[in-house]
PDB file of all heavy atoms in Angstrom:
ATOM      1  N   SER A   1       9.364  18.516  -2.186  1.00  0.00           N
ATOM      2  CA  SER A   1       8.292  19.083  -2.977  1.00  0.00           C
ATOM      3  C   SER A   1       7.529  17.966  -3.647  1.00  0.00           C
ATOM      4  O   SER A   1       8.028  16.815  -3.717  1.00  0.00           O
ATOM      5  CB  SER A   1       8.774  20.052  -3.986  1.00  0.00           C
ATOM      6  OG  SER A   1       9.520  19.390  -5.000  1.00  0.00           O
ATOM      7  N   VAL A   2       6.310  18.216  -4.072  1.00  0.00           N
ATOM      8  CA  VAL A   2       5.494  17.130  -4.691  1.00  0.00           C
ATOM      9  C   VAL A   2       6.115  16.649  -5.983  1.00  0.00           C
ATOM     10  O   VAL A   2       5.840  15.547  -6.406  1.00  0.00           O
ATOM     11  CB  VAL A   2       3.997  17.597  -4.959  1.00  0.00           C
ATOM     12  CG1 VAL A   2       3.291  17.834  -3.662  1.00  0.00           C
ATOM     13  CG2 VAL A   2       4.041  18.855  -5.819  1.00  0.00           C
ATOM     14  N   GLU A   3       7.017  17.489  -6.559  1.00  0.00           N
ATOM     15  CA  GLU A   3       7.642  17.066  -7.796  1.00  0.00           C
ATOM     16  C   GLU A   3       8.759  16.052  -7.516  1.00  0.00           C
ATOM     17  O   GLU A   3       9.368  15.475  -8.470  1.00  0.00           O
ATOM     18  CB  GLU A   3       8.304  18.254  -8.530  1.00  0.00           C
ATOM     19  CG  GLU A   3       7.243  19.244  -9.034  1.00  0.00           C
ATOM     20  CD  GLU A   3       6.723  20.221  -7.993  1.00  0.00           C
ATOM     21  OE1 GLU A   3       7.365  20.250  -6.910  1.00  0.00           O
ATOM     22  OE2 GLU A   3       5.681  20.874  -8.228  1.00  0.00           O
ATOM     23  N   PHE A   4       9.090  15.817  -6.290  1.00  0.00           N
ATOM     24  CA  PHE A   4      10.247  14.935  -5.910  1.00  0.00           C
ATOM     25  C   PHE A   4      10.037  13.520  -6.364  1.00  0.00           C
ATOM     26  O   PHE A   4      11.017  12.775  -6.676  1.00  0.00           O
ATOM     27  CB  PHE A   4      10.405  14.984  -4.385  1.00  0.00           C
ATOM     28  CG  PHE A   4      11.538  14.130  -3.877  1.00  0.00           C
ATOM     29  CD1 PHE A   4      12.864  14.586  -3.967  1.00  0.00           C
ATOM     30  CD2 PHE A   4      11.307  12.900  -3.326  1.00  0.00           C
ATOM     31  CE1 PHE A   4      13.922  13.818  -3.512  1.00  0.00           C
ATOM     32  CE2 PHE A   4      12.367  12.114  -2.867  1.00  0.00           C
ATOM     33  CZ  PHE A   4      13.648  12.583  -2.946  1.00  0.00           C
ATOM     34  N   SER A   5       8.800  13.006  -6.364  1.00  0.00           N
ATOM     35  CA  SER A   5       8.547  11.640  -6.743  1.00  0.00           C
ATOM     36  C   SER A   5       7.362  11.543  -7.714  1.00  0.00           C
ATOM     37  O   SER A   5       6.538  12.490  -7.835  1.00  0.00           O
ATOM     38  CB  SER A   5       8.251  10.743  -5.560  1.00  0.00           C
ATOM     39  OG  SER A   5       6.948  10.949  -5.063  1.00  0.00           O
ATOM     40  N   ASP A   6       7.241  10.440  -8.371  1.00  0.00           N
ATOM     41  CA  ASP A   6       6.093  10.208  -9.289  1.00  0.00           C
ATOM     42  C   ASP A   6       4.788  10.231  -8.560  1.00  0.00           C
ATOM     43  O   ASP A   6       3.747  10.507  -9.095  1.00  0.00           O
ATOM     44  CB  ASP A   6       6.299   8.872 -10.038  1.00  0.00           C
ATOM     45  CG  ASP A   6       7.440   8.845 -10.948  1.00  0.00           C
ATOM     46  OD1 ASP A   6       7.829   9.983 -11.372  1.00  0.00           O
ATOM     47  OD2 ASP A   6       7.984   7.787 -11.227  1.00  0.00           O
ATOM     48  N   LEU A   7       4.819   9.899  -7.237  1.00  0.00           N
ATOM     49  CA  LEU A   7       3.601   9.880  -6.484  1.00  0.00           C
ATOM     50  C   LEU A   7       3.040  11.220  -6.115  1.00  0.00           C
ATOM     51  O   LEU A   7       1.869  11.386  -5.938  1.00  0.00           O
ATOM     52  CB  LEU A   7       3.788   9.000  -5.223  1.00  0.00           C
ATOM     53  CG  LEU A   7       4.203   7.586  -5.410  1.00  0.00           C
ATOM     54  CD1 LEU A   7       4.411   6.952  -4.069  1.00  0.00           C
ATOM     55  CD2 LEU A   7       3.098   6.825  -6.169  1.00  0.00           C
ATOM     56  N   GLY A   8       3.960  12.218  -6.048  1.00  0.00           N
ATOM     57  CA  GLY A   8       3.562  13.589  -5.725  1.00  0.00           C
ATOM     58  C   GLY A   8       2.787  13.697  -4.426  1.00  0.00           C
ATOM     59  O   GLY A   8       1.640  14.010  -4.406  1.00  0.00           O
ATOM     60  N   GLU A   9       3.464  13.326  -3.329  1.00  0.00           N
ATOM     61  CA  GLU A   9       2.826  13.255  -1.993  1.00  0.00           C
ATOM     62  C   GLU A   9       2.932  14.510  -1.175  1.00  0.00           C
ATOM     63  O   GLU A   9       4.039  14.831  -0.681  1.00  0.00           O
ATOM     64  CB  GLU A   9       3.397  12.112  -1.162  1.00  0.00           C
ATOM     65  CG  GLU A   9       3.304  10.762  -1.925  1.00  0.00           C
ATOM     66  CD  GLU A   9       4.019   9.663  -1.200  1.00  0.00           C
ATOM     67  OE1 GLU A   9       3.480   9.123  -0.260  1.00  0.00           O
ATOM     68  OE2 GLU A   9       5.217   9.408  -1.617  1.00  0.00           O
ATOM     69  N   PRO A  10       1.885  15.369  -1.056  1.00  0.00           N
ATOM     70  CA  PRO A  10       1.938  16.604  -0.289  1.00  0.00           C
ATOM     71  C   PRO A  10       1.589  16.442   1.161  1.00  0.00           C
ATOM     72  O   PRO A  10       1.308  17.434   1.917  1.00  0.00           O
ATOM     73  CB  PRO A  10       0.940  17.451  -1.015  1.00  0.00           C
ATOM     74  CG  PRO A  10      -0.134  16.471  -1.365  1.00  0.00           C
ATOM     75  CD  PRO A  10       0.595  15.196  -1.745  1.00  0.00           C
ATOM     76  N   ASP A  11       1.497  15.203   1.683  1.00  0.00           N
ATOM     77  CA  ASP A  11       0.937  14.911   3.001  1.00  0.00           C
ATOM     78  C   ASP A  11       1.590  15.698   4.135  1.00  0.00           C
ATOM     79  O   ASP A  11       0.944  16.254   4.964  1.00  0.00           O
ATOM     80  CB  ASP A  11       1.007  13.432   3.303  1.00  0.00           C
ATOM     81  CG  ASP A  11       0.454  12.588   2.239  1.00  0.00           C
ATOM     82  OD1 ASP A  11       1.071  12.490   1.142  1.00  0.00           O
ATOM     83  OD2 ASP A  11      -0.624  12.039   2.420  1.00  0.00           O
ATOM     84  N   VAL A  12       2.914  15.735   4.138  1.00  0.00           N
ATOM     85  CA  VAL A  12       3.650  16.446   5.219  1.00  0.00           C
ATOM     86  C   VAL A  12       3.380  17.927   5.142  1.00  0.00           C
ATOM     87  O   VAL A  12       3.173  18.603   6.196  1.00  0.00           O
ATOM     88  CB  VAL A  12       5.142  16.195   5.193  1.00  0.00           C
ATOM     89  CG1 VAL A  12       5.907  17.082   6.081  1.00  0.00           C
ATOM     90  CG2 VAL A  12       5.399  14.725   5.576  1.00  0.00           C
ATOM     91  N   GLU A  13       3.382  18.479   3.942  1.00  0.00           N
ATOM     92  CA  GLU A  13       3.041  19.920   3.784  1.00  0.00           C
ATOM     93  C   GLU A  13       1.660  20.204   4.334  1.00  0.00           C
ATOM     94  O   GLU A  13       1.450  21.229   5.001  1.00  0.00           O
ATOM     95  CB  GLU A  13       3.117  20.268   2.319  1.00  0.00           C
ATOM     96  CG  GLU A  13       2.723  21.679   2.014  1.00  0.00           C
ATOM     97  CD  GLU A  13       2.751  21.945   0.487  1.00  0.00           C
ATOM     98  OE1 GLU A  13       3.023  21.026  -0.302  1.00  0.00           O
ATOM     99  OE2 GLU A  13       2.504  23.116   0.101  1.00  0.00           O
ATOM    100  N   LEU A  14       0.662  19.384   4.020  1.00  0.00           N
ATOM    101  CA  LEU A  14      -0.661  19.587   4.491  1.00  0.00           C
ATOM    102  C   LEU A  14      -0.784  19.510   6.037  1.00  0.00           C
ATOM    103  O   LEU A  14      -1.461  20.297   6.666  1.00  0.00           O
ATOM    104  CB  LEU A  14      -1.660  18.588   3.789  1.00  0.00           C
ATOM    105  CG  LEU A  14      -1.793  18.720   2.347  1.00  0.00           C
ATOM    106  CD1 LEU A  14      -2.628  17.653   1.748  1.00  0.00           C
ATOM    107  CD2 LEU A  14      -2.411  20.100   1.980  1.00  0.00           C
ATOM    108  N   ALA A  15      -0.067  18.490   6.561  1.00  0.00           N
ATOM    109  CA  ALA A  15      -0.073  18.301   8.049  1.00  0.00           C
ATOM    110  C   ALA A  15       0.483  19.482   8.711  1.00  0.00           C
ATOM    111  O   ALA A  15       0.003  19.979   9.736  1.00  0.00           O
ATOM    112  CB  ALA A  15       0.673  17.065   8.417  1.00  0.00           C
ATOM    113  N   ALA A  16       1.630  19.991   8.190  1.00  0.00           N
ATOM    114  CA  ALA A  16       2.303  21.197   8.791  1.00  0.00           C
ATOM    115  C   ALA A  16       1.336  22.427   8.703  1.00  0.00           C
ATOM    116  O   ALA A  16       1.299  23.172   9.718  1.00  0.00           O
ATOM    117  CB  ALA A  16       3.538  21.514   8.039  1.00  0.00           C
ATOM    118  N   ALA A  17       0.629  22.546   7.631  1.00  0.00           N
ATOM    119  CA  ALA A  17      -0.301  23.670   7.533  1.00  0.00           C
ATOM    120  C   ALA A  17      -1.437  23.557   8.606  1.00  0.00           C
ATOM    121  O   ALA A  17      -1.819  24.545   9.233  1.00  0.00           O
ATOM    122  CB  ALA A  17      -0.964  23.712   6.157  1.00  0.00           C
ATOM    123  N   GLU A  18      -1.903  22.311   8.757  1.00  0.00           N
ATOM    124  CA  GLU A  18      -2.951  22.102   9.791  1.00  0.00           C
ATOM    125  C   GLU A  18      -2.430  22.439  11.186  1.00  0.00           C
ATOM    126  O   GLU A  18      -3.225  22.992  12.006  1.00  0.00           O
ATOM    127  CB  GLU A  18      -3.430  20.661   9.790  1.00  0.00           C
ATOM    128  CG  GLU A  18      -4.132  20.247   8.567  1.00  0.00           C
ATOM    129  CD  GLU A  18      -4.275  18.723   8.490  1.00  0.00           C
ATOM    130  OE1 GLU A  18      -4.048  18.058   9.529  1.00  0.00           O
ATOM    131  OE2 GLU A  18      -4.653  18.182   7.416  1.00  0.00           O
ATOM    132  N   LEU A  19      -1.192  22.203  11.421  1.00  0.00           N
ATOM    133  CA  LEU A  19      -0.591  22.414  12.777  1.00  0.00           C
ATOM    134  C   LEU A  19      -0.028  23.834  12.918  1.00  0.00           C
ATOM    135  O   LEU A  19       0.493  24.133  14.034  1.00  0.00           O
ATOM    136  CB  LEU A  19       0.517  21.353  12.992  1.00  0.00           C
ATOM    137  CG  LEU A  19       0.055  19.908  13.031  1.00  0.00           C
ATOM    138  CD1 LEU A  19       1.192  18.941  12.922  1.00  0.00           C
ATOM    139  CD2 LEU A  19      -0.715  19.643  14.348  1.00  0.00           C
ATOM    140  N   GLY A  20       0.013  24.569  11.840  1.00  0.00           N
ATOM    141  CA  GLY A  20       0.519  25.943  11.890  1.00  0.00           C
ATOM    142  C   GLY A  20       2.025  25.961  12.054  1.00  0.00           C
ATOM    143  O   GLY A  20       2.598  26.848  12.667  1.00  0.00           O
ATOM    144  N   LEU A  21       2.701  25.030  11.438  1.00  0.00           N
ATOM    145  CA  LEU A  21       4.151  24.918  11.451  1.00  0.00           C
ATOM    146  C   LEU A  21       4.829  25.457  10.203  1.00  0.00           C
ATOM    147  O   LEU A  21       4.324  25.209   9.144  1.00  0.00           O
ATOM    148  CB  LEU A  21       4.497  23.459  11.747  1.00  0.00           C
ATOM    149  CG  LEU A  21       3.975  22.832  12.988  1.00  0.00           C
ATOM    150  CD1 LEU A  21       4.325  21.321  13.012  1.00  0.00           C
ATOM    151  CD2 LEU A  21       4.560  23.474  14.225  1.00  0.00           C
ATOM    152  N   PRO A  22       5.958  26.073  10.385  1.00  0.00           N
ATOM    153  CA  PRO A  22       6.711  26.544   9.172  1.00  0.00           C
ATOM    154  C   PRO A  22       7.276  25.349   8.358  1.00  0.00           C
ATOM    155  O   PRO A  22       7.734  24.357   8.964  1.00  0.00           O
ATOM    156  CB  PRO A  22       7.824  27.385   9.709  1.00  0.00           C
ATOM    157  CG  PRO A  22       8.023  26.897  11.144  1.00  0.00           C
ATOM    158  CD  PRO A  22       6.646  26.440  11.639  1.00  0.00           C
ATOM    159  N   VAL A  23       7.222  25.518   6.999  1.00  0.00           N
ATOM    160  CA  VAL A  23       7.696  24.441   6.129  1.00  0.00           C
ATOM    161  C   VAL A  23       8.786  24.963   5.232  1.00  0.00           C
ATOM    162  O   VAL A  23       8.691  26.107   4.791  1.00  0.00           O
ATOM    163  CB  VAL A  23       6.509  23.938   5.259  1.00  0.00           C
ATOM    164  CG1 VAL A  23       6.983  22.847   4.305  1.00  0.00           C
ATOM    165  CG2 VAL A  23       5.393  23.394   6.118  1.00  0.00           C
ATOM    166  N   ARG A  24       9.682  24.088   4.986  1.00  0.00           N
ATOM    167  CA  ARG A  24      10.762  24.432   4.006  1.00  0.00           C
ATOM    168  C   ARG A  24      10.943  23.152   3.064  1.00  0.00           C
ATOM    169  O   ARG A  24      10.710  22.009   3.566  1.00  0.00           O
ATOM    170  CB  ARG A  24      12.075  24.783   4.683  1.00  0.00           C
ATOM    171  CG  ARG A  24      13.144  25.190   3.683  1.00  0.00           C
ATOM    172  CD  ARG A  24      14.242  25.973   4.371  1.00  0.00           C
ATOM    173  NE  ARG A  24      15.360  26.183   3.460  1.00  0.00           N
ATOM    174  CZ  ARG A  24      16.296  27.076   3.593  1.00  0.00           C
ATOM    175  NH1 ARG A  24      16.316  27.825   4.712  1.00  0.00           N
ATOM    176  NH2 ARG A  24      17.236  27.228   2.726  1.00  0.00           N
ATOM    177  N   TYR A  25      11.334  23.380   1.831  1.00  0.00           N
ATOM    178  CA  TYR A  25      11.424  22.249   0.910  1.00  0.00           C
ATOM    179  C   TYR A  25      12.909  22.001   0.526  1.00  0.00           C
ATOM    180  O   TYR A  25      13.691  22.959   0.324  1.00  0.00           O
ATOM    181  CB  TYR A  25      10.607  22.511  -0.346  1.00  0.00           C
ATOM    182  CG  TYR A  25       9.171  22.808  -0.062  1.00  0.00           C
ATOM    183  CD1 TYR A  25       8.705  24.106   0.155  1.00  0.00           C
ATOM    184  CD2 TYR A  25       8.252  21.753   0.054  1.00  0.00           C
ATOM    185  CE1 TYR A  25       7.371  24.345   0.429  1.00  0.00           C
ATOM    186  CE2 TYR A  25       6.912  22.022   0.379  1.00  0.00           C
ATOM    187  CZ  TYR A  25       6.538  23.295   0.540  1.00  0.00           C
ATOM    188  OH  TYR A  25       5.198  23.508   0.882  1.00  0.00           O
ATOM    189  N   SER A  26      13.247  20.744   0.348  1.00  0.00           N
ATOM    190  CA  SER A  26      14.599  20.448  -0.090  1.00  0.00           C
ATOM    191  C   SER A  26      14.576  18.999  -0.639  1.00  0.00           C
ATOM    192  O   SER A  26      13.841  18.130  -0.173  1.00  0.00           O
ATOM    193  CB  SER A  26      15.581  20.464   1.050  1.00  0.00           C
ATOM    194  OG  SER A  26      16.910  20.071   0.657  1.00  0.00           O
ATOM    195  N   ALA A  27      15.411  18.709  -1.658  1.00  0.00           N
ATOM    196  CA  ALA A  27      15.543  17.383  -2.153  1.00  0.00           C
ATOM    197  C   ALA A  27      16.606  16.584  -1.390  1.00  0.00           C
ATOM    198  O   ALA A  27      16.486  15.405  -1.109  1.00  0.00           O
ATOM    199  CB  ALA A  27      15.870  17.388  -3.644  1.00  0.00           C
ATOM    200  N   THR A  28      17.702  17.294  -0.961  1.00  0.00           N
ATOM    201  CA  THR A  28      18.875  16.619  -0.410  1.00  0.00           C
ATOM    202  C   THR A  28      19.297  17.129   0.943  1.00  0.00           C
ATOM    203  O   THR A  28      20.205  16.544   1.548  1.00  0.00           O
ATOM    204  CB  THR A  28      20.039  16.674  -1.375  1.00  0.00           C
ATOM    205  OG1 THR A  28      20.353  18.088  -1.547  1.00  0.00           O
ATOM    206  CG2 THR A  28      19.670  16.092  -2.794  1.00  0.00           C
ATOM    207  N   ALA A  29      18.759  18.253   1.378  1.00  0.00           N
ATOM    208  CA  ALA A  29      19.217  18.961   2.582  1.00  0.00           C
ATOM    209  C   ALA A  29      20.641  19.345   2.571  1.00  0.00           C
ATOM    210  O   ALA A  29      21.327  19.412   3.579  1.00  0.00           O
ATOM    211  CB  ALA A  29      18.959  18.028   3.837  1.00  0.00           C
ATOM    212  N   ARG A  30      21.152  19.649   1.368  1.00  0.00           N
ATOM    213  CA  ARG A  30      22.545  20.063   1.208  1.00  0.00           C
ATOM    214  C   ARG A  30      22.796  21.529   1.041  1.00  0.00           C
ATOM    215  O   ARG A  30      23.883  22.000   0.844  1.00  0.00           O
ATOM    216  CB  ARG A  30      23.146  19.262   0.035  1.00  0.00           C
ATOM    217  CG  ARG A  30      23.212  17.774   0.300  1.00  0.00           C
ATOM    218  CD  ARG A  30      23.979  16.978  -0.763  1.00  0.00           C
ATOM    219  NE  ARG A  30      24.082  15.608  -0.450  1.00  0.00           N
ATOM    220  CZ  ARG A  30      24.924  15.058   0.405  1.00  0.00           C
ATOM    221  NH1 ARG A  30      25.789  15.780   1.018  1.00  0.00           N
ATOM    222  NH2 ARG A  30      24.909  13.737   0.650  1.00  0.00           N
ATOM    223  N   GLU A  31      21.734  22.338   0.940  1.00  0.00           N
ATOM    224  CA  GLU A  31      21.848  23.744   0.689  1.00  0.00           C
ATOM    225  C   GLU A  31      22.542  24.494   1.889  1.00  0.00           C
ATOM    226  O   GLU A  31      22.132  24.330   3.037  1.00  0.00           O
ATOM    227  CB  GLU A  31      20.491  24.363   0.442  1.00  0.00           C
ATOM    228  CG  GLU A  31      19.711  23.758  -0.724  1.00  0.00           C
ATOM    229  CD  GLU A  31      18.922  22.578  -0.322  1.00  0.00           C
ATOM    230  OE1 GLU A  31      19.147  21.984   0.789  1.00  0.00           O
ATOM    231  OE2 GLU A  31      18.077  22.194  -1.129  1.00  0.00           O
ATOM    232  N   PRO A  32      23.651  25.266   1.621  1.00  0.00           N
ATOM    233  CA  PRO A  32      24.317  25.953   2.723  1.00  0.00           C
ATOM    234  C   PRO A  32      23.418  26.894   3.512  1.00  0.00           C
ATOM    235  O   PRO A  32      23.534  26.975   4.746  1.00  0.00           O
ATOM    236  CB  PRO A  32      25.395  26.720   1.996  1.00  0.00           C
ATOM    237  CG  PRO A  32      25.631  25.954   0.728  1.00  0.00           C
ATOM    238  CD  PRO A  32      24.337  25.414   0.328  1.00  0.00           C
ATOM    239  N   ASP A  33      22.438  27.552   2.848  1.00  0.00           N
ATOM    240  CA  ASP A  33      21.551  28.452   3.538  1.00  0.00           C
ATOM    241  C   ASP A  33      20.599  27.692   4.472  1.00  0.00           C
ATOM    242  O   ASP A  33      20.202  28.176   5.560  1.00  0.00           O
ATOM    243  CB  ASP A  33      20.783  29.371   2.625  1.00  0.00           C
ATOM    244  CG  ASP A  33      19.870  28.578   1.720  1.00  0.00           C
ATOM    245  OD1 ASP A  33      20.203  27.481   1.177  1.00  0.00           O
ATOM    246  OD2 ASP A  33      18.652  29.011   1.556  1.00  0.00           O
ATOM    247  N   LEU A  34      20.231  26.442   4.072  1.00  0.00           N
ATOM    248  CA  LEU A  34      19.482  25.585   5.013  1.00  0.00           C
ATOM    249  C   LEU A  34      20.245  25.282   6.233  1.00  0.00           C
ATOM    250  O   LEU A  34      19.757  25.326   7.330  1.00  0.00           O
ATOM    251  CB  LEU A  34      19.018  24.337   4.204  1.00  0.00           C
ATOM    252  CG  LEU A  34      18.392  23.250   5.133  1.00  0.00           C
ATOM    253  CD1 LEU A  34      17.054  23.777   5.774  1.00  0.00           C
ATOM    254  CD2 LEU A  34      18.116  21.970   4.325  1.00  0.00           C
ATOM    255  N   HIS A  35      21.548  24.912   6.052  1.00  0.00           N
ATOM    256  CA  HIS A  35      22.400  24.580   7.204  1.00  0.00           C
ATOM    257  C   HIS A  35      22.491  25.749   8.165  1.00  0.00           C
ATOM    258  O   HIS A  35      22.414  25.569   9.387  1.00  0.00           O
ATOM    259  CB  HIS A  35      23.798  24.189   6.740  1.00  0.00           C
ATOM    260  CG  HIS A  35      23.753  22.999   5.829  1.00  0.00           C
ATOM    261  ND1 HIS A  35      24.911  22.426   5.298  1.00  0.00           N
ATOM    262  CD2 HIS A  35      22.731  22.158   5.382  1.00  0.00           C
ATOM    263  CE1 HIS A  35      24.598  21.366   4.597  1.00  0.00           C
ATOM    264  NE2 HIS A  35      23.284  21.233   4.569  1.00  0.00           N
ATOM    265  N   GLU A  36      22.613  26.935   7.607  1.00  0.00           N
ATOM    266  CA  GLU A  36      22.692  28.184   8.448  1.00  0.00           C
ATOM    267  C   GLU A  36      21.397  28.357   9.194  1.00  0.00           C
ATOM    268  O   GLU A  36      21.390  28.710  10.384  1.00  0.00           O
ATOM    269  CB  GLU A  36      23.033  29.394   7.595  1.00  0.00           C
ATOM    270  CG  GLU A  36      23.217  30.640   8.397  1.00  0.00           C
ATOM    271  CD  GLU A  36      24.337  30.566   9.434  1.00  0.00           C
ATOM    272  OE1 GLU A  36      25.322  29.821   9.179  1.00  0.00           O
ATOM    273  OE2 GLU A  36      24.209  31.191  10.472  1.00  0.00           O
ATOM    274  N   HIS A  37      20.274  28.148   8.523  1.00  0.00           N
ATOM    275  CA  HIS A  37      18.954  28.288   9.140  1.00  0.00           C
ATOM    276  C   HIS A  37      18.850  27.281  10.267  1.00  0.00           C
ATOM    277  O   HIS A  37      18.310  27.671  11.416  1.00  0.00           O
ATOM    278  CB  HIS A  37      17.859  28.026   8.085  1.00  0.00           C
ATOM    279  CG  HIS A  37      16.478  28.325   8.605  1.00  0.00           C
ATOM    280  ND1 HIS A  37      15.401  27.993   7.874  1.00  0.00           N
ATOM    281  CD2 HIS A  37      16.027  28.932   9.700  1.00  0.00           C
ATOM    282  CE1 HIS A  37      14.286  28.307   8.561  1.00  0.00           C
ATOM    283  NE2 HIS A  37      14.678  28.943   9.676  1.00  0.00           N
ATOM    284  N   LEU A  38      19.282  26.069  10.106  1.00  0.00           N
ATOM    285  CA  LEU A  38      19.130  25.046  11.132  1.00  0.00           C
ATOM    286  C   LEU A  38      20.032  25.408  12.373  1.00  0.00           C
ATOM    287  O   LEU A  38      19.594  25.241  13.521  1.00  0.00           O
ATOM    288  CB  LEU A  38      19.565  23.657  10.553  1.00  0.00           C
ATOM    289  CG  LEU A  38      18.649  23.041   9.500  1.00  0.00           C
ATOM    290  CD1 LEU A  38      19.232  21.749   9.051  1.00  0.00           C
ATOM    291  CD2 LEU A  38      17.199  22.858  10.070  1.00  0.00           C
TER     292      LEU A  38
END
């Protein structure tokens, strides 16, 4: 998420929206439900 760093970079989120791709947010990719989704 943009809150992840002081720079607040939404670039990937914007690119995914342009390409019509689903987006999910995570700081560490450690969430069990994310693993199940993958």
